[in-house]
Amino acid sequence: MATTPKITRCAALLLAWALTGLPTAAALADLAVLPRVAPEQVGMSGERLARLSTLTQRYVDEGKLAGAVVLVAREGQVVHLDAVGKADIEQATPMREDTLFRIYSMSKPIAAVATMILYEEGAFQLRDPISKFLPELAELEVLMEDGSRVPAEPITMQHLLTHTAGFSYGFSPRDPLDVMYRESGWSESVDLDAFIARVAELPLKFQPGTRWHYSVANDILGAVVERISGQRFDEFLTERLFRPLGMNDTFFDIPADKRDRLGTHHGYDHEAGRLQILPTPAYPLWENTTFFSGGAGLISTANDYARFAEMLRNGGELGDVRILSPKTVQLMTMDHLPAAVSADGSGERPGLGALGGFTGAGFGLGFGVVHDVPATGVIGSVGEYSWGGAAGTIFWVDPVEDIVVVGMIQLMQSPWPLRSELKVLTYQALTRLNGD
């Protein structure tokens, strides 16, 4: 795929900023940190928010967590930002507010927003078949329980954005389709075009729109963005999202001068009762990357991701930079799952993220969305949306209480209820409810 030389692209971008009123590089540097305010000024208790630090420090002291960074903002202002513990237990590297984290599936909402930028430009409709942009996926089949295959109905962009397309991931050790996914080597694709070629050879798990199943859909979205925009996915994200929002620490490739800030991968050894450092393809995977995974490939910081989440909470705008229309954000954060898909009979519920369970939530265009707070079993608000990552990272946006929370750790398959505990300790710090 042809790319524009970097100098030319940069010059063009600066010219565009000058002509459209978007911020200059100097202005973007000023935007890099959300403003901080005393919690009491926005209806929260500083004394009660301190319980968040007590919680994460207890996990560290008990040897259950290496370290954590937790950020809470209300009404666009940070009321709590604290880094505790270590980024690396072997090197005893202190956790910092600007520690870099592998955010894994928290890449997915970013890929969804990138896609909806193109939606607003008239590039597609939600009911458009994805084969309009990815003809390789025009004649897929569905794998039946008896091993036979039948022709698949067309997959739409809405199916792709809501994980109802029928794709999978390859997580299940015994599921026949997941075995095929693992054997395909899709995650080792050299780029998104090669990835699509491998996915085109795999059957679907079910007919599109009939079930919800977590999948490689957001990686496919990255390929759609490339085909529509004519840009590499990473370049599109940088130019249309990260740079305008001042997200200077979010990328697929870690710049050489920032590699010492990357937190180490940890796991918990239950037999030994202690943390362990996990083998991870850290720098080789994120150096000279060419497969830009919109599903799990990004690295970020708590502050950077808070800027992204705050843009969403503020109706698609951060400062003077508008990424999406408020109406588009509203569309993205509605529950798009039909009742039959959300019901128990579907076999799965999209209850990941900060929801604390697998009920009371549906799925929008890139986010889990709460529609029944009591059913989730944890405090929150109707309309709250969220997602998390494989290494324990989490974010949620509460549009009712104007709250944004980002929690960053690096603990694969965390056995601890930290996400639900963060929710409780955030909401117990409220001294004023919106609408009171």
Foldseek 3Di string as FASTA:
>chain_A
DDDDPPVVVVVVLQVVCVVVVFDDLVVLLVLQFFAADAQVVQFFFLVLLCVLVVVQQVCCVQQQAQKKWKWKDFPRHTNDTDIDHALEPVVRHGADQFFKEQFFQVLQLLLLLLLVLVVVVVLDDQFAFLCVQVVLQVWAWEQDPVRDTDTADGAGNQLLLFQQQQAAALPDPPPPQSVLNVVLPLVVAQALVSSSNSSSVGHGHDHGQQAHYDHLSSLVSQSSSCSRVVDRSQVSCVSQPCSSLSQPFKGLAGPPVCVVSYGFAWEADVVVGHIDTDDDPPRVRRHPGRYCRSRGRMMGGQRSVLSVLLCLLVQQDDDPDGRDGSVVSVQQLDFPRDPSHCDVVSVAAPCAALLQDRPQWGGGRRWIFGQHNVGSVADADHSKTWHGRQQGWIWIAHSQRRMIMTMDGNYGPRPDNSSRVVRVSVVVRGNDGPPD
